[in-house]
């Protein structure tokens, strides 16, 4: 059976790894708001889905020491997890910057 997300360029295993990174990020916060518990895993999954392959490609291009490719996609899944963890921090900084720019004084 074909993966239903392949036409969109997404891999389910990468999305799950990014989602797990987002969950870890949400659990690491002292305050658990709606945004933290829902948006962080979703943001992690989406960012991992679209940013993991470019990250792995870049790491290979700069000859970063990566584990050998034995078909298990360890590098891809580890990269997806890290992107998932970092995605909400990046979005927090971006939303903070935008909200400061458009706030009414």
N, C-alpha and C. Protein backbone atom coordinates (compact mmCIF):
# COMPACT_ATOMS: atom_id res chain seq x y z
N UNK A 1 0.85 -1.18 0.00
CA UNK A 1 0.00 0.00 0.00
C UNK A 1 0.89 1.24 0.00
N UNK A 2 0.52 2.19 -0.80
CA UNK A 2 1.31 3.42 -0.93
C UNK A 2 0.96 4.41 0.18
N UNK A 3 1.97 5.12 0.63
CA UNK A 3 1.80 6.13 1.66
C UNK A 3 0.93 7.26 1.11
N UNK A 4 -0.17 7.63 1.77
CA UNK A 4 -1.07 8.66 1.23
C UNK A 4 -0.46 10.06 1.20
N UNK A 5 0.63 10.28 1.93
CA UNK A 5 1.24 11.61 1.95
C UNK A 5 2.38 11.77 0.96
N UNK A 6 2.75 10.69 0.26
CA UNK A 6 3.83 10.78 -0.73
C UNK A 6 3.59 11.83 -1.81
N UNK A 7 2.37 12.00 -2.32
CA UNK A 7 2.17 13.06 -3.32
C UNK A 7 2.49 14.45 -2.82
N UNK A 8 2.48 14.64 -1.50
CA UNK A 8 2.79 15.94 -0.92
C UNK A 8 4.25 16.07 -0.51
N UNK A 9 5.02 15.03 -0.77
CA UNK A 9 6.44 15.05 -0.42
C UNK A 9 6.72 14.79 1.04
N UNK A 10 5.79 14.15 1.73
CA UNK A 10 5.93 13.89 3.16
C UNK A 10 6.04 12.40 3.42
N UNK A 11 6.81 12.04 4.44
CA UNK A 11 6.94 10.66 4.87
C UNK A 11 6.37 10.55 6.28
N UNK A 12 5.54 9.55 6.50
CA UNK A 12 4.88 9.42 7.80
C UNK A 12 5.89 9.24 8.92
N UNK A 13 6.94 8.46 8.70
CA UNK A 13 7.93 8.23 9.77
C UNK A 13 8.64 9.53 10.15
N UNK A 14 8.87 10.39 9.18
CA UNK A 14 9.51 11.68 9.46
C UNK A 14 8.53 12.59 10.22
N UNK A 15 7.26 12.56 9.83
CA UNK A 15 6.27 13.36 10.56
C UNK A 15 6.13 12.90 12.00
N UNK A 16 6.17 11.59 12.22
CA UNK A 16 6.05 11.07 13.59
C UNK A 16 7.26 11.49 14.42
N UNK A 17 8.45 11.43 13.83
CA UNK A 17 9.66 11.85 14.56
C UNK A 17 9.59 13.34 14.90
N UNK A 18 9.14 14.17 13.97
CA UNK A 18 8.97 15.60 14.23
C UNK A 18 7.90 15.87 15.27
N UNK A 19 6.81 15.10 15.21
CA UNK A 19 5.74 15.22 16.20
C UNK A 19 6.27 14.90 17.58
N UNK A 20 7.07 13.84 17.68
CA UNK A 20 7.66 13.46 18.98
C UNK A 20 8.57 14.57 19.51
N UNK A 21 9.33 15.19 18.62
CA UNK A 21 10.16 16.32 19.03
C UNK A 21 9.33 17.48 19.53
N UNK A 22 8.21 17.73 18.87
CA UNK A 22 7.30 18.79 19.31
C UNK A 22 6.67 18.48 20.66
N UNK A 23 6.34 17.21 20.90
CA UNK A 23 5.79 16.81 22.19
C UNK A 23 6.83 17.03 23.29
N UNK A 24 8.06 16.62 23.02
CA UNK A 24 9.13 16.83 24.00
C UNK A 24 9.30 18.31 24.31
N UNK A 25 9.24 19.14 23.29
CA UNK A 25 9.37 20.59 23.48
C UNK A 25 8.21 21.11 24.32
N UNK A 26 7.00 20.63 24.05
CA UNK A 26 5.83 21.09 24.81
C UNK A 26 5.94 20.67 26.27
N UNK A 27 6.44 19.48 26.52
CA UNK A 27 6.56 18.99 27.90
C UNK A 27 7.67 19.67 28.68
N UNK A 28 8.61 20.28 27.97
CA UNK A 28 9.74 20.93 28.64
C UNK A 28 9.39 22.32 29.16
N UNK A 29 8.23 22.81 28.84
CA UNK A 29 7.81 24.15 29.27
C UNK A 29 7.19 24.10 30.66
N UNK A 30 7.36 25.18 31.42
CA UNK A 30 6.73 25.27 32.73
C UNK A 30 5.24 25.55 32.61
N UNK A 31 4.86 26.35 31.62
CA UNK A 31 3.46 26.68 31.40
C UNK A 31 2.94 25.81 30.27
N UNK A 32 1.84 25.14 30.52
CA UNK A 32 1.24 24.29 29.50
C UNK A 32 -0.06 24.93 29.02
N UNK A 33 0.04 25.74 27.99
CA UNK A 33 -1.14 26.38 27.43
C UNK A 33 -1.64 25.55 26.26
N UNK A 34 -2.77 25.95 25.73
CA UNK A 34 -3.34 25.27 24.56
C UNK A 34 -2.34 25.28 23.41
N UNK A 35 -1.71 26.43 23.22
CA UNK A 35 -0.74 26.57 22.13
C UNK A 35 0.43 25.61 22.31
N UNK A 36 0.87 25.47 23.54
CA UNK A 36 2.01 24.58 23.81
C UNK A 36 1.65 23.13 23.56
N UNK A 37 0.50 22.70 24.02
CA UNK A 37 0.17 21.29 23.95
C UNK A 37 -0.31 20.84 22.58
N UNK A 38 -0.91 21.71 21.82
CA UNK A 38 -1.42 21.34 20.50
C UNK A 38 -0.52 21.83 19.38
N UNK A 39 -0.18 23.10 19.40
CA UNK A 39 0.56 23.67 18.29
C UNK A 39 2.00 23.18 18.19
N UNK A 40 2.63 22.93 19.31
CA UNK A 40 4.03 22.53 19.27
C UNK A 40 4.25 21.20 18.56
N UNK A 41 3.49 20.14 18.87
CA UNK A 41 3.67 18.89 18.12
C UNK A 41 3.29 19.01 16.64
N UNK A 42 2.23 19.74 16.36
CA UNK A 42 1.81 19.91 14.96
C UNK A 42 2.86 20.70 14.19
N UNK A 43 3.34 21.77 14.79
CA UNK A 43 4.39 22.57 14.16
C UNK A 43 5.65 21.74 13.96
N UNK A 44 6.00 20.92 14.95
CA UNK A 44 7.16 20.05 14.83
C UNK A 44 7.01 19.05 13.70
N UNK A 45 5.84 18.47 13.57
CA UNK A 45 5.61 17.48 12.51
C UNK A 45 5.69 18.13 11.13
N UNK A 46 5.04 19.27 10.96
CA UNK A 46 5.06 19.94 9.66
C UNK A 46 6.46 20.44 9.29
N UNK A 47 7.15 21.02 10.25
CA UNK A 47 8.50 21.49 9.97
C UNK A 47 9.42 20.32 9.63
N UNK A 48 9.28 19.23 10.37
CA UNK A 48 10.11 18.05 10.08
C UNK A 48 9.79 17.50 8.70
N UNK A 49 8.52 17.50 8.35
CA UNK A 49 8.12 16.97 7.04
C UNK A 49 8.76 17.70 5.88
N UNK A 50 8.90 18.99 6.01
CA UNK A 50 9.42 19.78 4.90
C UNK A 50 10.87 20.22 5.04
N UNK A 51 11.43 20.21 6.24
CA UNK A 51 12.79 20.73 6.43
C UNK A 51 13.84 19.66 6.69
N UNK A 52 13.44 18.43 6.94
CA UNK A 52 14.42 17.39 7.28
C UNK A 52 15.29 17.01 6.10
N UNK A 53 14.68 16.77 4.95
CA UNK A 53 15.49 16.39 3.79
C UNK A 53 16.50 17.47 3.40
N UNK A 54 16.13 18.75 3.36
CA UNK A 54 17.16 19.77 3.08
C UNK A 54 18.25 19.80 4.14
N UNK A 55 17.88 19.57 5.42
CA UNK A 55 18.89 19.55 6.48
C UNK A 55 19.87 18.41 6.28
N UNK A 56 19.38 17.21 6.01
CA UNK A 56 20.26 16.06 5.80
C UNK A 56 21.11 16.25 4.56
N UNK A 57 20.53 16.81 3.51
CA UNK A 57 21.29 17.08 2.29
C UNK A 57 22.43 18.06 2.58
N UNK A 58 22.14 19.10 3.35
CA UNK A 58 23.16 20.09 3.71
C UNK A 58 24.26 19.46 4.54
N UNK A 59 23.88 18.64 5.52
CA UNK A 59 24.89 17.99 6.37
C UNK A 59 25.80 17.08 5.55
N UNK A 60 25.22 16.40 4.57
CA UNK A 60 26.05 15.56 3.69
C UNK A 60 26.96 16.42 2.81
N UNK A 61 26.45 17.56 2.36
CA UNK A 61 27.23 18.44 1.48
C UNK A 61 28.44 19.04 2.19
N UNK A 62 28.32 19.29 3.49
CA UNK A 62 29.46 19.86 4.22
C UNK A 62 30.32 18.77 4.87
N UNK A 63 30.01 17.51 4.51
CA UNK A 63 30.76 16.34 5.00
C UNK A 63 30.72 16.22 6.52
N UNK A 64 29.56 16.50 7.09
CA UNK A 64 29.35 16.31 8.52
C UNK A 64 29.34 14.80 8.78
N UNK A 65 30.01 14.32 9.82
CA UNK A 65 30.05 12.88 10.06
C UNK A 65 28.66 12.34 10.45
N UNK A 66 28.09 11.54 9.59
CA UNK A 66 26.78 10.95 9.81
C UNK A 66 26.91 9.44 9.87
N UNK A 67 25.96 8.76 10.51
CA UNK A 67 26.02 7.30 10.53
C UNK A 67 25.86 6.74 9.12
N UNK A 68 26.41 5.55 8.87
CA UNK A 68 26.28 4.97 7.53
C UNK A 68 24.81 4.68 7.21
N UNK A 69 24.47 4.81 5.94
CA UNK A 69 23.10 4.58 5.49
C UNK A 69 22.89 3.09 5.30
N UNK A 70 22.25 2.45 6.27
CA UNK A 70 22.01 1.01 6.20
C UNK A 70 20.55 0.70 5.85
N UNK A 71 19.81 1.70 5.40
CA UNK A 71 18.42 1.51 5.03
C UNK A 71 17.44 1.79 6.15
N UNK A 72 17.92 2.08 7.35
CA UNK A 72 17.01 2.33 8.47
C UNK A 72 16.64 3.81 8.61
N UNK A 73 17.25 4.67 7.83
CA UNK A 73 16.97 6.11 7.85
C UNK A 73 17.20 6.75 9.22
N UNK A 74 18.22 6.29 9.91
CA UNK A 74 18.53 6.83 11.24
C UNK A 74 18.80 8.33 11.15
N UNK A 75 19.58 8.74 10.17
CA UNK A 75 19.92 10.14 10.02
C UNK A 75 18.67 10.98 9.76
N UNK A 76 17.81 10.47 8.89
CA UNK A 76 16.58 11.20 8.55
C UNK A 76 15.69 11.35 9.78
N UNK A 77 15.52 10.30 10.55
CA UNK A 77 14.64 10.35 11.72
C UNK A 77 15.23 11.19 12.85
N UNK A 78 16.53 11.10 13.05
CA UNK A 78 17.17 11.94 14.08
C UNK A 78 17.07 13.41 13.68
N UNK A 79 17.29 13.71 12.41
CA UNK A 79 17.15 15.08 11.93
C UNK A 79 15.73 15.58 12.09
N UNK A 80 14.75 14.71 11.80
CA UNK A 80 13.34 15.09 11.94
C UNK A 80 13.00 15.40 13.39
N UNK A 81 13.53 14.61 14.31
CA UNK A 81 13.29 14.85 15.73
C UNK A 81 13.86 16.20 16.15
N UNK A 82 15.09 16.49 15.73
CA UNK A 82 15.72 17.76 16.08
C UNK A 82 14.99 18.95 15.46
N UNK A 83 14.57 18.80 14.21
CA UNK A 83 13.80 19.87 13.57
C UNK A 83 12.48 20.06 14.31
N UNK A 84 11.84 18.97 14.72
CA UNK A 84 10.59 19.06 15.47
C UNK A 84 10.74 19.78 16.79
N UNK A 85 11.85 19.54 17.48
CA UNK A 85 12.11 20.23 18.74
C UNK A 85 12.33 21.72 18.51
N UNK A 86 13.09 22.05 17.49
CA UNK A 86 13.46 23.45 17.23
C UNK A 86 12.35 24.26 16.57
N UNK A 87 11.42 23.60 15.91
CA UNK A 87 10.41 24.31 15.12
C UNK A 87 9.58 25.27 15.95
N UNK A 88 9.15 24.87 17.11
CA UNK A 88 8.29 25.76 17.90
C UNK A 88 9.08 26.91 18.48
N UNK A 89 10.35 26.70 18.81
CA UNK A 89 11.17 27.81 19.29
C UNK A 89 11.32 28.85 18.18
N UNK A 90 11.54 28.39 16.98
CA UNK A 90 11.67 29.31 15.85
C UNK A 90 10.35 30.05 15.62
N UNK A 91 9.23 29.31 15.67
CA UNK A 91 7.95 29.97 15.45
C UNK A 91 7.62 30.94 16.59
N UNK A 92 8.01 30.59 17.84
CA UNK A 92 7.81 31.53 18.95
C UNK A 92 8.55 32.84 18.69
N UNK A 93 9.80 32.75 18.27
CA UNK A 93 10.59 33.95 17.99
C UNK A 93 9.98 34.74 16.84
N UNK A 94 9.53 34.04 15.81
CA UNK A 94 8.94 34.71 14.66
C UNK A 94 7.63 35.40 15.03
N UNK A 95 6.75 34.70 15.76
CA UNK A 95 5.49 35.31 16.18
C UNK A 95 5.70 36.48 17.13
N UNK A 96 6.69 36.37 18.00
CA UNK A 96 7.01 37.47 18.91
C UNK A 96 7.48 38.69 18.12
N UNK A 97 8.34 38.47 17.14
CA UNK A 97 8.83 39.56 16.30
C UNK A 97 7.68 40.21 15.53
N UNK A 98 6.81 39.40 14.95
CA UNK A 98 5.68 39.94 14.17
C UNK A 98 4.72 40.69 15.08
N UNK A 99 4.42 40.13 16.24
CA UNK A 99 3.47 40.79 17.13
C UNK A 99 4.02 42.12 17.66
N UNK A 100 5.32 42.22 17.84
CA UNK A 100 5.90 43.50 18.27
C UNK A 100 5.86 44.53 17.14
N UNK A 101 6.00 44.07 15.90
CA UNK A 101 5.97 44.98 14.76
C UNK A 101 4.59 45.55 14.49
N UNK A 102 3.55 44.73 14.68
CA UNK A 102 2.21 45.19 14.32
C UNK A 102 1.39 45.63 15.52
N UNK A 103 1.96 45.64 16.70
CA UNK A 103 1.19 46.04 17.88
C UNK A 103 0.86 47.53 17.81
N UNK A 104 -0.32 47.85 18.28
CA UNK A 104 -0.79 49.24 18.29
C UNK A 104 -0.25 49.91 19.55
N UNK A 105 0.36 51.05 19.34
CA UNK A 105 0.97 51.76 20.48
C UNK A 105 0.05 52.84 20.98
